[in-house]
C-alpha atoms as a PDB file:
ATOM      1  CA  UNK A   1      33.326 -11.866 -26.338  1.00  0.00           C
ATOM      2  CA  UNK A   2      33.487  -8.297 -27.714  1.00  0.00           C
ATOM      3  CA  UNK A   3      29.699  -8.238 -27.960  1.00  0.00           C
ATOM      4  CA  UNK A   4      29.355  -9.484 -24.354  1.00  0.00           C
ATOM      5  CA  UNK A   5      31.802  -6.834 -23.126  1.00  0.00           C
ATOM      6  CA  UNK A   6      29.827  -4.152 -24.959  1.00  0.00           C
ATOM      7  CA  UNK A   7      26.561  -5.370 -23.398  1.00  0.00           C
ATOM      8  CA  UNK A   8      28.118  -5.332 -19.918  1.00  0.00           C
ATOM      9  CA  UNK A   9      29.449  -1.815 -20.444  1.00  0.00           C
ATOM     10  CA  UNK A  10      26.077  -0.682 -21.758  1.00  0.00           C
ATOM     11  CA  UNK A  11      24.333  -2.158 -18.712  1.00  0.00           C
ATOM     12  CA  UNK A  12      26.792  -0.429 -16.342  1.00  0.00           C
ATOM     13  CA  UNK A  13      26.328   2.868 -18.170  1.00  0.00           C
ATOM     14  CA  UNK A  14      22.546   2.535 -18.041  1.00  0.00           C
ATOM     15  CA  UNK A  15      22.588   1.809 -14.308  1.00  0.00           C
ATOM     16  CA  UNK A  16      24.919   4.730 -13.661  1.00  0.00           C
ATOM     17  CA  UNK A  17      22.834   7.076 -15.787  1.00  0.00           C
ATOM     18  CA  UNK A  18      19.588   6.010 -14.115  1.00  0.00           C
ATOM     19  CA  UNK A  19      21.217   6.214 -10.708  1.00  0.00           C
ATOM     20  CA  UNK A  20      22.155   9.806 -11.357  1.00  0.00           C
ATOM     21  CA  UNK A  21      18.472  10.634 -11.740  1.00  0.00           C
ATOM     22  CA  UNK A  22      17.623   9.268  -8.299  1.00  0.00           C
ATOM     23  CA  UNK A  23      17.687  11.536  -5.284  1.00  0.00           C
ATOM     24  CA  UNK A  24      19.979  10.487  -2.455  1.00  0.00           C
ATOM     25  CA  UNK A  25      17.389  11.320   0.199  1.00  0.00           C
ATOM     26  CA  UNK A  26      14.052  10.472  -1.472  1.00  0.00           C
ATOM     27  CA  UNK A  27      12.336   7.258  -0.306  1.00  0.00           C
ATOM     28  CA  UNK A  28      11.135   5.060  -3.176  1.00  0.00           C
ATOM     29  CA  UNK A  29       8.346   2.859  -1.819  1.00  0.00           C
ATOM     30  CA  UNK A  30       5.054   2.263  -3.604  1.00  0.00           C
ATOM     31  CA  UNK A  31       1.810   1.180  -1.882  1.00  0.00           C
ATOM     32  CA  UNK A  32       3.163   2.556   1.415  1.00  0.00           C
ATOM     33  CA  UNK A  33       1.818   2.138   4.919  1.00  0.00           C
ATOM     34  CA  UNK A  34       2.905   3.684   8.228  1.00  0.00           C
ATOM     35  CA  UNK A  35       2.518   1.811  11.515  1.00  0.00           C
ATOM     36  CA  UNK A  36       2.914   3.660  14.825  1.00  0.00           C
ATOM     37  CA  UNK A  37       4.206   1.819  17.894  1.00  0.00           C
ATOM     38  CA  UNK A  38       5.248   3.370  21.221  1.00  0.00           C
ATOM     39  CA  UNK A  39       5.796   6.806  19.738  1.00  0.00           C
ATOM     40  CA  UNK A  40       7.762   5.649  16.699  1.00  0.00           C
ATOM     41  CA  UNK A  41       6.512   5.515  13.109  1.00  0.00           C
ATOM     42  CA  UNK A  42       7.509   2.646  10.816  1.00  0.00           C
ATOM     43  CA  UNK A  43       7.208   2.989   7.038  1.00  0.00           C
ATOM     44  CA  UNK A  44       6.838  -0.069   4.791  1.00  0.00           C
ATOM     45  CA  UNK A  45       5.897  -0.509   1.144  1.00  0.00           C
ATOM     46  CA  UNK A  46       6.576  -2.075  -2.226  1.00  0.00           C
ATOM     47  CA  UNK A  47      10.318  -1.776  -2.895  1.00  0.00           C
ATOM     48  CA  UNK A  48      11.227   0.425  -5.826  1.00  0.00           C
ATOM     49  CA  UNK A  49      14.766   1.703  -5.307  1.00  0.00           C
ATOM     50  CA  UNK A  50      17.022  -0.159  -7.808  1.00  0.00           C
ATOM     51  CA  UNK A  51      20.114   0.744  -5.776  1.00  0.00           C
ATOM     52  CA  UNK A  52      19.019  -1.534  -2.914  1.00  0.00           C
ATOM     53  CA  UNK A  53      19.634  -5.241  -3.528  1.00  0.00           C
ATOM     54  CA  UNK A  54      17.217  -7.973  -2.461  1.00  0.00           C
ATOM     55  CA  UNK A  55      13.478  -8.580  -2.414  1.00  0.00           C
ATOM     56  CA  UNK A  56      10.913  -8.231   0.325  1.00  0.00           C
ATOM     57  CA  UNK A  57       9.757  -5.292   2.431  1.00  0.00           C
ATOM     58  CA  UNK A  58      12.125  -2.561   3.567  1.00  0.00           C
ATOM     59  CA  UNK A  59      11.305  -0.512   6.657  1.00  0.00           C
ATOM     60  CA  UNK A  60      12.177   3.073   7.580  1.00  0.00           C
ATOM     61  CA  UNK A  61      11.766   4.745  10.981  1.00  0.00           C
ATOM     62  CA  UNK A  62      10.834   8.234  12.203  1.00  0.00           C
ATOM     63  CA  UNK A  63       9.637   9.991  15.342  1.00  0.00           C
ATOM     64  CA  UNK A  64       8.081  13.009  13.596  1.00  0.00           C
ATOM     65  CA  UNK A  65       6.938  11.832  10.100  1.00  0.00           C
ATOM     66  CA  UNK A  66       9.444  14.249   8.563  1.00  0.00           C
ATOM     67  CA  UNK A  67      12.910  12.910   9.286  1.00  0.00           C
ATOM     68  CA  UNK A  68      13.375   9.252   8.346  1.00  0.00           C
ATOM     69  CA  UNK A  69      16.221   6.782   8.779  1.00  0.00           C
ATOM     70  CA  UNK A  70      16.792   3.516   7.009  1.00  0.00           C
ATOM     71  CA  UNK A  71      16.299   1.131   5.557  1.00  0.00           C
ATOM     72  CA  UNK A  72      16.637  -0.241   9.061  1.00  0.00           C
ATOM     73  CA  UNK A  73      15.007  -3.672   8.975  1.00  0.00           C
ATOM     74  CA  UNK A  74      16.423  -6.649  10.862  1.00  0.00           C
ATOM     75  CA  UNK A  75      17.716  -8.405   7.733  1.00  0.00           C
ATOM     76  CA  UNK A  76      19.802  -6.188   5.454  1.00  0.00           C
ATOM     77  CA  UNK A  77      17.303  -3.366   5.926  1.00  0.00           C
ATOM     78  CA  UNK A  78      14.310  -5.618   5.224  1.00  0.00           C
ATOM     79  CA  UNK A  79      11.581  -6.240   7.791  1.00  0.00           C
ATOM     80  CA  UNK A  80      10.566  -9.224   5.667  1.00  0.00           C
ATOM     81  CA  UNK A  81      13.118 -10.624   3.254  1.00  0.00           C
ATOM     82  CA  UNK A  82      12.595 -13.157   0.500  1.00  0.00           C
ATOM     83  CA  UNK A  83      13.421 -16.592   1.888  1.00  0.00           C
ATOM     84  CA  UNK A  84      12.108 -15.905   5.381  1.00  0.00           C
ATOM     85  CA  UNK A  85       8.425 -16.140   4.439  1.00  0.00           C
ATOM     86  CA  UNK A  86       6.136 -17.054   1.573  1.00  0.00           C
ATOM     87  CA  UNK A  87       6.945 -15.542  -1.796  1.00  0.00           C
ATOM     88  CA  UNK A  88       9.478 -15.520  -4.606  1.00  0.00           C
ATOM     89  CA  UNK A  89       8.408 -12.342  -6.439  1.00  0.00           C
ATOM     90  CA  UNK A  90       5.897  -9.498  -6.456  1.00  0.00           C
ATOM     91  CA  UNK A  91       6.222  -8.409  -2.815  1.00  0.00           C
ATOM     92  CA  UNK A  92       3.518  -5.723  -2.762  1.00  0.00           C
ATOM     93  CA  UNK A  93       1.323  -3.636  -0.508  1.00  0.00           C
ATOM     94  CA  UNK A  94       2.046  -4.647   3.112  1.00  0.00           C
ATOM     95  CA  UNK A  95       0.006  -3.757   6.193  1.00  0.00           C
ATOM     96  CA  UNK A  96       1.484  -4.037   9.692  1.00  0.00           C
ATOM     97  CA  UNK A  97      -0.535  -4.267  12.913  1.00  0.00           C
ATOM     98  CA  UNK A  98      -0.275  -5.597  16.460  1.00  0.00           C
ATOM     99  CA  UNK A  99      -2.454  -8.463  17.677  1.00  0.00           C
ATOM    100  CA  UNK A 100      -2.116 -10.456  20.917  1.00  0.00           C
ATOM    101  CA  UNK A 101       1.259  -8.826  21.690  1.00  0.00           C
ATOM    102  CA  UNK A 102       2.805  -9.860  18.367  1.00  0.00           C
ATOM    103  CA  UNK A 103       3.429  -7.868  15.209  1.00  0.00           C
ATOM    104  CA  UNK A 104       1.734  -9.052  12.038  1.00  0.00           C
ATOM    105  CA  UNK A 105       2.347  -8.219   8.415  1.00  0.00           C
ATOM    106  CA  UNK A 106      -0.356  -8.946   5.831  1.00  0.00           C
ATOM    107  CA  UNK A 107       1.159  -8.751   2.366  1.00  0.00           C
ATOM    108  CA  UNK A 108       1.041  -9.787  -1.266  1.00  0.00           C
ATOM    109  CA  UNK A 109       3.555 -12.079  -2.984  1.00  0.00           C
ATOM    110  CA  UNK A 110       3.150 -14.088  -6.192  1.00  0.00           C
ATOM    111  CA  UNK A 111      -0.339 -12.516  -6.429  1.00  0.00           C
ATOM    112  CA  UNK A 112      -1.439 -14.292  -3.255  1.00  0.00           C
ATOM    113  CA  UNK A 113      -1.990 -12.963   0.264  1.00  0.00           C
ATOM    114  CA  UNK A 114       0.049 -14.202   3.212  1.00  0.00           C
ATOM    115  CA  UNK A 115       0.475 -13.162   6.836  1.00  0.00           C
ATOM    116  CA  UNK A 116       3.803 -13.172   8.685  1.00  0.00           C
ATOM    117  CA  UNK A 117       4.669 -12.470  12.323  1.00  0.00           C
ATOM    118  CA  UNK A 118       7.512 -10.927  14.285  1.00  0.00           C
ATOM    119  CA  UNK A 119       8.417  -9.881  17.812  1.00  0.00           C
ATOM    120  CA  UNK A 120       9.571  -6.484  16.535  1.00  0.00           C
ATOM    121  CA  UNK A 121       8.215  -4.013  13.944  1.00  0.00           C
ATOM    122  CA  UNK A 122      11.687  -4.064  12.355  1.00  0.00           C
ATOM    123  CA  UNK A 123      11.345  -7.809  11.788  1.00  0.00           C
ATOM    124  CA  UNK A 124      12.313 -10.349  10.865  1.00  0.00           C
ATOM    125  CA  UNK A 125       8.747 -11.209   9.804  1.00  0.00           C
ATOM    126  CA  UNK A 126       8.431 -14.918   9.047  1.00  0.00           C
ATOM    127  CA  UNK A 127       5.832 -17.580   8.308  1.00  0.00           C
ATOM    128  CA  UNK A 128       5.695 -21.239   7.351  1.00  0.00           C
ATOM    129  CA  UNK A 129       5.255 -20.566   3.643  1.00  0.00           C
ATOM    130  CA  UNK A 130       1.470 -20.813   3.599  1.00  0.00           C
ATOM    131  CA  UNK A 131      -0.982 -18.369   2.002  1.00  0.00           C
ATOM    132  CA  UNK A 132      -4.623 -17.525   2.597  1.00  0.00           C
ATOM    133  CA  UNK A 133      -6.281 -20.012   0.294  1.00  0.00           C
ATOM    134  CA  UNK A 134      -8.380 -18.625  -2.542  1.00  0.00           C
ATOM    135  CA  UNK A 135      -9.885 -19.802  -5.814  1.00  0.00           C
ATOM    136  CA  UNK A 136      -8.498 -16.738  -7.620  1.00  0.00           C
ATOM    137  CA  UNK A 137      -5.437 -14.526  -7.386  1.00  0.00           C
ATOM    138  CA  UNK A 138      -5.747 -11.887  -4.668  1.00  0.00           C
ATOM    139  CA  UNK A 139      -3.695  -8.875  -3.583  1.00  0.00           C
ATOM    140  CA  UNK A 140      -3.690  -5.722  -1.407  1.00  0.00           C
ATOM    141  CA  UNK A 141      -4.754  -6.967   2.050  1.00  0.00           C
ATOM    142  CA  UNK A 142      -6.138  -4.689   4.760  1.00  0.00           C
ATOM    143  CA  UNK A 143      -7.152  -6.195   8.119  1.00  0.00           C
ATOM    144  CA  UNK A 144      -9.810  -4.461  10.233  1.00  0.00           C
ATOM    145  CA  UNK A 145     -10.626  -5.446  13.817  1.00  0.00           C
ATOM    146  CA  UNK A 146     -14.236  -4.608  14.651  1.00  0.00           C
ATOM    147  CA  UNK A 147     -15.638  -5.902  17.938  1.00  0.00           C
ATOM    148  CA  UNK A 148     -15.297  -9.668  18.019  1.00  0.00           C
ATOM    149  CA  UNK A 149     -14.836  -9.978  14.254  1.00  0.00           C
ATOM    150  CA  UNK A 150     -11.777  -9.638  12.031  1.00  0.00           C
ATOM    151  CA  UNK A 151     -12.262  -8.548   8.437  1.00  0.00           C
ATOM    152  CA  UNK A 152      -9.901  -8.885   5.499  1.00  0.00           C
ATOM    153  CA  UNK A 153     -10.453  -6.312   2.782  1.00  0.00           C
ATOM    154  CA  UNK A 154      -8.548  -7.276  -0.335  1.00  0.00           C
ATOM    155  CA  UNK A 155      -8.542  -7.263  -4.127  1.00  0.00           C
ATOM    156  CA  UNK A 156      -9.583 -10.274  -6.152  1.00  0.00           C
ATOM    157  CA  UNK A 157      -8.392 -10.467  -9.744  1.00  0.00           C
ATOM    158  CA  UNK A 158     -11.580 -11.424 -11.543  1.00  0.00           C
ATOM    159  CA  UNK A 159     -12.972  -9.382 -14.446  1.00  0.00           C
ATOM    160  CA  UNK A 160     -10.827  -6.528 -13.202  1.00  0.00           C
ATOM    161  CA  UNK A 161      -9.314  -5.629  -9.858  1.00  0.00           C
ATOM    162  CA  UNK A 162     -12.297  -5.763  -7.483  1.00  0.00           C
ATOM    163  CA  UNK A 163     -12.332  -5.034  -3.761  1.00  0.00           C
ATOM    164  CA  UNK A 164     -13.882  -7.741  -1.565  1.00  0.00           C
ATOM    165  CA  UNK A 165     -14.237  -8.356   2.151  1.00  0.00           C
ATOM    166  CA  UNK A 166     -14.370 -11.580   4.147  1.00  0.00           C
ATOM    167  CA  UNK A 167     -14.120 -12.525   7.788  1.00  0.00           C
ATOM    168  CA  UNK A 168     -10.834 -13.992   8.996  1.00  0.00           C
ATOM    169  CA  UNK A 169     -10.422 -16.782  11.512  1.00  0.00           C
ATOM    170  CA  UNK A 170      -9.256 -15.703  14.971  1.00  0.00           C
ATOM    171  CA  UNK A 171      -5.779 -17.096  14.297  1.00  0.00           C
ATOM    172  CA  UNK A 172      -5.620 -15.101  11.017  1.00  0.00           C
ATOM    173  CA  UNK A 173      -4.818 -18.239   9.050  1.00  0.00           C
ATOM    174  CA  UNK A 174      -7.931 -18.634   6.933  1.00  0.00           C
ATOM    175  CA  UNK A 175     -10.650 -16.713   5.141  1.00  0.00           C
ATOM    176  CA  UNK A 176     -14.215 -17.666   6.015  1.00  0.00           C
ATOM    177  CA  UNK A 177     -15.235 -18.150   2.402  1.00  0.00           C
ATOM    178  CA  UNK A 178     -18.948 -18.160   3.179  1.00  0.00           C
ATOM    179  CA  UNK A 179     -18.630 -14.482   4.220  1.00  0.00           C
ATOM    180  CA  UNK A 180     -16.911 -13.319   1.015  1.00  0.00           C
ATOM    181  CA  UNK A 181     -18.648 -10.207  -0.313  1.00  0.00           C
ATOM    182  CA  UNK A 182     -17.839  -7.784  -3.124  1.00  0.00           C
ATOM    183  CA  UNK A 183     -17.493  -4.155  -2.041  1.00  0.00           C
ATOM    184  CA  UNK A 184     -16.207  -1.928  -4.828  1.00  0.00           C
ATOM    185  CA  UNK A 185     -15.429  -2.222  -8.511  1.00  0.00           C
ATOM    186  CA  UNK A 186     -14.258   0.544 -10.839  1.00  0.00           C
ATOM    187  CA  UNK A 187     -17.004   1.826 -13.094  1.00  0.00           C
ATOM    188  CA  UNK A 188     -16.953   5.140 -14.918  1.00  0.00           C
ATOM    189  CA  UNK A 189     -15.721   8.693 -14.544  1.00  0.00           C
ATOM    190  CA  UNK A 190     -12.631   9.225 -12.386  1.00  0.00           C
ATOM    191  CA  UNK A 191     -12.357   5.470 -11.675  1.00  0.00           C
ATOM    192  CA  UNK A 192     -11.713   4.542 -15.324  1.00  0.00           C
ATOM    193  CA  UNK A 193     -10.437   7.505 -17.281  1.00  0.00           C
ATOM    194  CA  UNK A 194      -8.970   5.333 -20.067  1.00  0.00           C
ATOM    195  CA  UNK A 195     -12.064   3.107 -20.423  1.00  0.00           C
ATOM    196  CA  UNK A 196     -10.025  -0.085 -20.185  1.00  0.00           C
ATOM    197  CA  UNK A 197     -11.125  -3.711 -20.580  1.00  0.00           C
ATOM    198  CA  UNK A 198      -9.749  -4.575 -17.117  1.00  0.00           C
ATOM    199  CA  UNK A 199     -10.937  -1.833 -14.712  1.00  0.00           C
ATOM    200  CA  UNK A 200      -9.023  -1.379 -11.466  1.00  0.00           C
ATOM    201  CA  UNK A 201     -10.146  -0.625  -7.905  1.00  0.00           C
ATOM    202  CA  UNK A 202      -7.517  -1.480  -5.305  1.00  0.00           C
ATOM    203  CA  UNK A 203      -5.526  -0.474  -2.231  1.00  0.00           C
ATOM    204  CA  UNK A 204      -8.370  -0.430   0.322  1.00  0.00           C
ATOM    205  CA  UNK A 205      -8.117   1.142   3.767  1.00  0.00           C
ATOM    206  CA  UNK A 206     -11.201   0.912   5.999  1.00  0.00           C
ATOM    207  CA  UNK A 207     -11.936   2.693   9.266  1.00  0.00           C
ATOM    208  CA  UNK A 208     -14.967   3.144  11.491  1.00  0.00           C
ATOM    209  CA  UNK A 209     -16.274   6.583  12.411  1.00  0.00           C
ATOM    210  CA  UNK A 210     -19.373   7.267  14.506  1.00  0.00           C
ATOM    211  CA  UNK A 211     -20.890   3.900  13.684  1.00  0.00           C
ATOM    212  CA  UNK A 212     -20.282   4.057   9.937  1.00  0.00           C
ATOM    213  CA  UNK A 213     -17.530   2.509   7.850  1.00  0.00           C
ATOM    214  CA  UNK A 214     -15.366   4.518   5.474  1.00  0.00           C
ATOM    215  CA  UNK A 215     -13.324   2.930   2.704  1.00  0.00           C
ATOM    216  CA  UNK A 216     -10.467   4.749   0.991  1.00  0.00           C
ATOM    217  CA  UNK A 217      -9.480   3.131  -2.301  1.00  0.00           C
ATOM    218  CA  UNK A 218      -7.529   3.807  -5.480  1.00  0.00           C
ATOM    219  CA  UNK A 219      -8.744   3.454  -9.050  1.00  0.00           C
ATOM    220  CA  UNK A 220      -7.310   3.300 -12.592  1.00  0.00           C
ATOM    221  CA  UNK A 221      -4.232   1.290 -13.508  1.00  0.00           C
ATOM    222  CA  UNK A 222      -1.263   2.448 -11.417  1.00  0.00           C
ATOM    223  CA  UNK A 223       0.559   3.407 -14.630  1.00  0.00           C
ATOM    224  CA  UNK A 224      -2.225   5.811 -15.577  1.00  0.00           C
ATOM    225  CA  UNK A 225      -1.368   9.430 -14.642  1.00  0.00           C
ATOM    226  CA  UNK A 226      -4.980   9.671 -13.385  1.00  0.00           C
ATOM    227  CA  UNK A 227      -4.441   7.017 -10.699  1.00  0.00           C
ATOM    228  CA  UNK A 228      -6.187   8.576  -7.686  1.00  0.00           C
ATOM    229  CA  UNK A 229      -7.856   7.983  -4.308  1.00  0.00           C
ATOM    230  CA  UNK A 230     -11.563   8.180  -3.586  1.00  0.00           C
ATOM    231  CA  UNK A 231     -13.846   6.966  -0.834  1.00  0.00           C
ATOM    232  CA  UNK A 232     -17.120   5.248  -0.050  1.00  0.00           C
ATOM    233  CA  UNK A 233     -19.308   4.904   3.063  1.00  0.00           C
ATOM    234  CA  UNK A 234     -21.370   2.029   4.458  1.00  0.00           C
ATOM    235  CA  UNK A 235     -23.548   1.249   7.463  1.00  0.00           C
ATOM    236  CA  UNK A 236     -21.962  -2.206   7.621  1.00  0.00           C
ATOM    237  CA  UNK A 237     -18.419  -3.542   7.233  1.00  0.00           C
ATOM    238  CA  UNK A 238     -19.729  -5.713   4.384  1.00  0.00           C
ATOM    239  CA  UNK A 239     -21.588  -2.952   2.556  1.00  0.00           C
ATOM    240  CA  UNK A 240     -23.385  -1.939   0.472  1.00  0.00           C
ATOM    241  CA  UNK A 241     -20.973   0.906  -0.162  1.00  0.00           C
ATOM    242  CA  UNK A 242     -22.052   4.349  -1.333  1.00  0.00           C
ATOM    243  CA  UNK A 243     -19.385   6.011  -3.442  1.00  0.00           C
ATOM    244  CA  UNK A 244     -18.979   9.682  -2.576  1.00  0.00           C
ATOM    245  CA  UNK A 245     -19.413  12.100  -5.462  1.00  0.00           C
ATOM    246  CA  UNK A 246     -16.581  14.447  -4.511  1.00  0.00           C
ATOM    247  CA  UNK A 247     -14.042  11.667  -5.071  1.00  0.00           C
ATOM    248  CA  UNK A 248     -11.198  11.586  -5.768  1.00  0.00           C
ATOM    249  CA  UNK A 249      -9.820  13.556  -2.841  1.00  0.00           C
ATOM    250  CA  UNK A 250      -6.229  12.769  -3.826  1.00  0.00           C
ATOM    251  CA  UNK A 251      -5.211  13.009  -7.487  1.00  0.00           C
ATOM    252  CA  UNK A 252      -2.648  14.680  -9.710  1.00  0.00           C
ATOM    253  CA  UNK A 253      -4.913  17.730  -9.721  1.00  0.00           C
ATOM    254  CA  UNK A 254      -4.464  17.971  -5.940  1.00  0.00           C
ATOM    255  CA  UNK A 255      -0.787  17.003  -5.641  1.00  0.00           C
ATOM    256  CA  UNK A 256       0.651  18.149  -8.955  1.00  0.00           C
ATOM    257  CA  UNK A 257       2.176  14.678  -9.386  1.00  0.00           C
ATOM    258  CA  UNK A 258       1.095  11.945 -11.798  1.00  0.00           C
ATOM    259  CA  UNK A 259      -0.070   8.609 -10.423  1.00  0.00           C
ATOM    260  CA  UNK A 260      -0.934   9.821  -6.906  1.00  0.00           C
ATOM    261  CA  UNK A 261      -2.524   6.919  -5.051  1.00  0.00           C
ATOM    262  CA  UNK A 262      -2.501   3.605  -3.180  1.00  0.00           C
ATOM    263  CA  UNK A 263      -1.503   4.275   0.387  1.00  0.00           C
ATOM    264  CA  UNK A 264      -2.880   4.247   3.899  1.00  0.00           C
ATOM    265  CA  UNK A 265      -4.472   6.426   6.559  1.00  0.00           C
ATOM    266  CA  UNK A 266      -2.559   7.320   9.696  1.00  0.00           C
ATOM    267  CA  UNK A 267      -2.782   9.683  12.658  1.00  0.00           C
ATOM    268  CA  UNK A 268       0.123  11.468  14.299  1.00  0.00           C
ATOM    269  CA  UNK A 269       0.700  11.748  18.042  1.00  0.00           C
ATOM    270  CA  UNK A 270      -1.727  14.691  18.205  1.00  0.00           C
ATOM    271  CA  UNK A 271      -4.510  12.933  16.319  1.00  0.00           C
ATOM    272  CA  UNK A 272      -3.924  14.761  13.038  1.00  0.00           C
ATOM    273  CA  UNK A 273      -4.897  12.655  10.002  1.00  0.00           C
ATOM    274  CA  UNK A 274      -2.600  11.954   7.059  1.00  0.00           C
ATOM    275  CA  UNK A 275      -2.603   9.807   3.956  1.00  0.00           C
ATOM    276  CA  UNK A 276       0.702   8.270   2.873  1.00  0.00           C
ATOM    277  CA  UNK A 277       0.868   7.242  -0.802  1.00  0.00           C
ATOM    278  CA  UNK A 278       3.053   7.026  -3.894  1.00  0.00           C
ATOM    279  CA  UNK A 279       3.417   9.033  -7.095  1.00  0.00           C
ATOM    280  CA  UNK A 280       5.050   8.386 -10.428  1.00  0.00           C
ATOM    281  CA  UNK A 281       8.772   9.061 -10.656  1.00  0.00           C
ATOM    282  CA  UNK A 282       8.250  11.924 -13.104  1.00  0.00           C
ATOM    283  CA  UNK A 283       5.903  13.190 -15.788  1.00  0.00           C
ATOM    284  CA  UNK A 284       7.453  10.725 -18.239  1.00  0.00           C
ATOM    285  CA  UNK A 285       8.405   7.738 -16.047  1.00  0.00           C
ATOM    286  CA  UNK A 286       6.294   5.619 -13.718  1.00  0.00           C
ATOM    287  CA  UNK A 287       9.076   3.862 -11.785  1.00  0.00           C
ATOM    288  CA  UNK A 288      10.607   3.954  -9.312  1.00  0.00           C
ATOM    289  CA  UNK A 289       7.578   5.388  -7.588  1.00  0.00           C
ATOM    290  CA  UNK A 290       8.176   8.048  -4.936  1.00  0.00           C
ATOM    291  CA  UNK A 291       6.714   8.088  -1.433  1.00  0.00           C
ATOM    292  CA  UNK A 292       4.749  11.110  -0.259  1.00  0.00           C
ATOM    293  CA  UNK A 293       2.353  12.190   2.479  1.00  0.00           C
ATOM    294  CA  UNK A 294      -0.474  14.697   2.680  1.00  0.00           C
ATOM    295  CA  UNK A 295      -2.641  16.021   5.531  1.00  0.00           C
ATOM    296  CA  UNK A 296      -6.341  15.274   5.248  1.00  0.00           C
ATOM    297  CA  UNK A 297      -9.465  16.514   7.001  1.00  0.00           C
ATOM    298  CA  UNK A 298     -12.272  14.120   7.890  1.00  0.00           C
ATOM    299  CA  UNK A 299     -15.367  16.056   8.844  1.00  0.00           C
ATOM    300  CA  UNK A 300     -18.962  14.787   8.784  1.00  0.00           C
ATOM    301  CA  UNK A 301     -17.859  11.961   6.484  1.00  0.00           C
ATOM    302  CA  UNK A 302     -16.384  14.431   4.018  1.00  0.00           C
ATOM    303  CA  UNK A 303     -12.703  13.913   3.275  1.00  0.00           C
ATOM    304  CA  UNK A 304     -10.468  16.585   1.814  1.00  0.00           C
ATOM    305  CA  UNK A 305      -6.746  16.997   1.335  1.00  0.00           C
ATOM    306  CA  UNK A 306      -5.345  19.996   3.175  1.00  0.00           C
ATOM    307  CA  UNK A 307      -4.086  22.606   0.741  1.00  0.00           C
ATOM    308  CA  UNK A 308      -0.286  22.961   0.477  1.00  0.00           C
ATOM    309  CA  UNK A 309       0.346  20.036   2.859  1.00  0.00           C
ATOM    310  CA  UNK A 310       1.852  17.657   0.277  1.00  0.00           C
ATOM    311  CA  UNK A 311       5.424  16.597   1.038  1.00  0.00           C
ATOM    312  CA  UNK A 312       7.891  13.909   0.000  1.00  0.00           C
ATOM    313  CA  UNK A 313       9.152  11.390   2.522  1.00  0.00           C
ATOM    314  CA  UNK A 314      12.908  11.739   2.716  1.00  0.00           C
ATOM    315  CA  UNK A 315      15.886  10.564   4.712  1.00  0.00           C
END
């Protein structure tokens, strides 16, 4: 009994000590994404704040990308909460979009990809417990609507984290497996600074500009301080993809923060481009990862972070 009491006290002390290190106003979401709807921005991501109980996807809200409130989701601050949709663990990397007057969330749980729906960007997002069937584990979904086709960019866990694309059915319930195509895998240089046995390319965002397709993606293991964001260009949504030599455009060299990567592109009300992403907690700790945003310039297919535009996302 004495030993149990000591363990409980030690746990309480550890939680209190760690809690003291956390900022009261900093948002702790990894793999973040921002969805704009009717003049309001909604921030989602992989939950990291140990002070918030529960599992799923929290959501924060802002009208100016600077001042945030939340978590403000429909269920205890969650837009999607464990028990309302597929998944028991590993709720990672959501994307939210509107399709046929409903709100959709593509997300990872249990290293599978699922899609949930809601009538409100605050949730609750729900589904019937089904996933997008696959012969391997898959994570990090990004849905792109292009003409009459719908594409799912995602990461398949096979000989590393590799980015693939496939067409989705119109009801978003199935991958057209015959269209599955590999896009990007991590190779050398900035993509694999530790020369690991399991190279990582992940967190894709794809957009179309003047008839060409641009993919933003992260490389290296997320625990590596060199985790960073680069880009590639293609004439087709399925590739082949040409990696751009001036990658990465977001890295610890640019931000001054270790582990800067895995986020999403967004535009503000005036059309200004940003990239929202996460960093390590500190120079010595990875978690909980902190949410940040940086202005970027996209000019003639060249992407650069705007100097001195890095900022944390805070309440």
